[in-house]
Protein backbone atom coordinates (compact mmCIF):
# COMPACT_ATOMS: atom_id res chain seq x y z
CA UNK A 1 12.27 65.27 -2.81
CA UNK A 2 15.52 63.37 -2.79
CA UNK A 3 16.41 61.88 0.67
CA UNK A 4 20.03 62.65 1.52
CA UNK A 5 21.52 60.31 4.05
CA UNK A 6 24.35 61.10 6.40
CA UNK A 7 27.55 59.04 6.37
CA UNK A 8 26.61 57.71 9.78
CA UNK A 9 23.18 56.60 8.63
CA UNK A 10 24.65 54.95 5.46
CA UNK A 11 27.12 52.99 7.49
CA UNK A 12 24.39 51.89 9.91
CA UNK A 13 22.17 50.75 7.10
CA UNK A 14 25.03 48.90 5.41
CA UNK A 15 25.98 47.18 8.67
CA UNK A 16 22.39 45.95 9.17
CA UNK A 17 22.15 44.82 5.64
CA UNK A 18 25.54 42.89 5.72
CA UNK A 19 24.52 41.21 9.03
CA UNK A 20 21.24 40.10 7.41
CA UNK A 21 23.02 39.07 4.14
CA UNK A 22 25.62 36.95 5.91
CA UNK A 23 22.91 35.33 7.95
CA UNK A 24 20.32 34.60 5.36
CA UNK A 25 22.44 34.09 2.26
CA UNK A 26 25.73 32.53 3.53
CA UNK A 27 24.62 31.08 6.85
CA UNK A 28 27.27 32.98 8.85
CA UNK A 29 27.24 35.41 11.81
CA UNK A 30 30.05 37.87 12.03
CA UNK A 31 31.08 38.91 15.48
CA UNK A 32 31.95 42.37 14.23
CA UNK A 33 31.16 44.38 10.92
CA UNK A 34 32.81 47.56 10.29
CA UNK A 35 32.31 50.04 7.32
CA UNK A 36 34.86 52.35 5.76
CA UNK A 37 33.28 54.81 3.46
CA UNK A 38 35.83 57.13 1.73
CA UNK A 39 35.42 59.11 -1.43
CA UNK A 40 34.34 56.54 -4.00
CA UNK A 41 35.32 53.35 -2.20
CA UNK A 42 33.35 51.38 0.22
CA UNK A 43 35.01 48.73 2.32
CA UNK A 44 33.24 46.26 4.48
CA UNK A 45 35.04 44.21 7.09
CA UNK A 46 33.22 41.22 8.62
CA UNK A 47 35.22 39.48 11.39
CA UNK A 48 35.00 35.97 12.71
CA UNK A 49 32.20 34.77 10.50
CA UNK A 50 32.87 31.06 10.71
CA UNK A 51 30.94 28.79 12.90
CA UNK A 52 33.02 26.77 15.43
CA UNK A 53 32.95 23.54 13.38
CA UNK A 54 34.33 25.35 10.26
CA UNK A 55 36.79 27.40 12.38
CA UNK A 56 38.30 24.08 13.54
CA UNK A 57 39.13 23.33 9.83
CA UNK A 58 41.37 26.34 9.58
CA UNK A 59 44.16 24.56 11.42
CA UNK A 60 44.45 22.00 8.66
CA UNK A 61 45.90 23.59 5.55
CA UNK A 62 44.32 21.20 3.05
CA UNK A 63 40.88 21.58 4.64
CA UNK A 64 41.27 25.30 5.06
CA UNK A 65 41.95 25.58 1.29
CA UNK A 66 38.86 23.59 0.48
CA UNK A 67 36.79 25.72 2.89
CA UNK A 68 38.05 28.85 1.24
CA UNK A 69 37.08 27.51 -2.25
CA UNK A 70 33.57 26.57 -0.95
CA UNK A 71 33.08 29.96 0.72
CA UNK A 72 34.42 31.89 -2.21
CA UNK A 73 31.92 29.96 -4.61
CA UNK A 74 29.16 30.59 -2.12
CA UNK A 75 29.97 34.21 -2.01
CA UNK A 76 30.25 34.52 -5.83
CA UNK A 77 26.70 33.02 -6.29
CA UNK A 78 25.31 35.80 -4.07
CA UNK A 79 27.41 38.68 -5.34
CA UNK A 80 24.59 40.17 -7.60
CA UNK A 81 22.21 40.22 -4.71
CA UNK A 82 24.67 41.90 -2.55
CA UNK A 83 25.47 44.42 -5.26
CA UNK A 84 21.87 45.31 -5.66
CA UNK A 85 21.36 45.75 -1.90
CA UNK A 86 24.48 48.07 -1.66
CA UNK A 87 23.23 50.10 -4.74
CA UNK A 88 19.75 50.53 -3.11
CA UNK A 89 21.26 51.76 0.11
CA UNK A 90 23.91 54.03 -1.43
CA UNK A 91 21.76 55.17 -4.25
CA UNK A 92 24.48 54.82 -6.78
CA UNK A 93 25.94 52.15 -9.05
CA UNK A 94 28.44 49.68 -7.74
CA UNK A 95 31.25 48.95 -10.02
CA UNK A 96 32.86 45.95 -8.53
CA UNK A 97 32.79 43.77 -5.53
CA UNK A 98 35.82 41.81 -4.45
CA UNK A 99 36.17 39.26 -1.72
CA UNK A 100 39.39 39.59 0.13
CA UNK A 101 40.19 36.59 2.35
CA UNK A 102 42.35 36.68 5.45
CA UNK A 103 45.30 34.44 4.84
């Protein structure tokens, strides 16, 4: 029998997985994770992920740009793992994953 999950249950599972993903694969800890699940789009917001030492670099434009490049590469290396985890929870194919950075 196919196990149908409620929207709330899916969101909770995704939050837990994202928290674990950020911690174990990117070395980050978000202060807040929110999930928006609408129609065929899933949006995940993770806030304040940078540790204090990296947060201090955001005040310096050149260092911030370098930090963004490093974090983007780091994320890209883990994207296929993240995709597989989302597909497992959602029980459907994930077409694309995009990283949107706060400017």
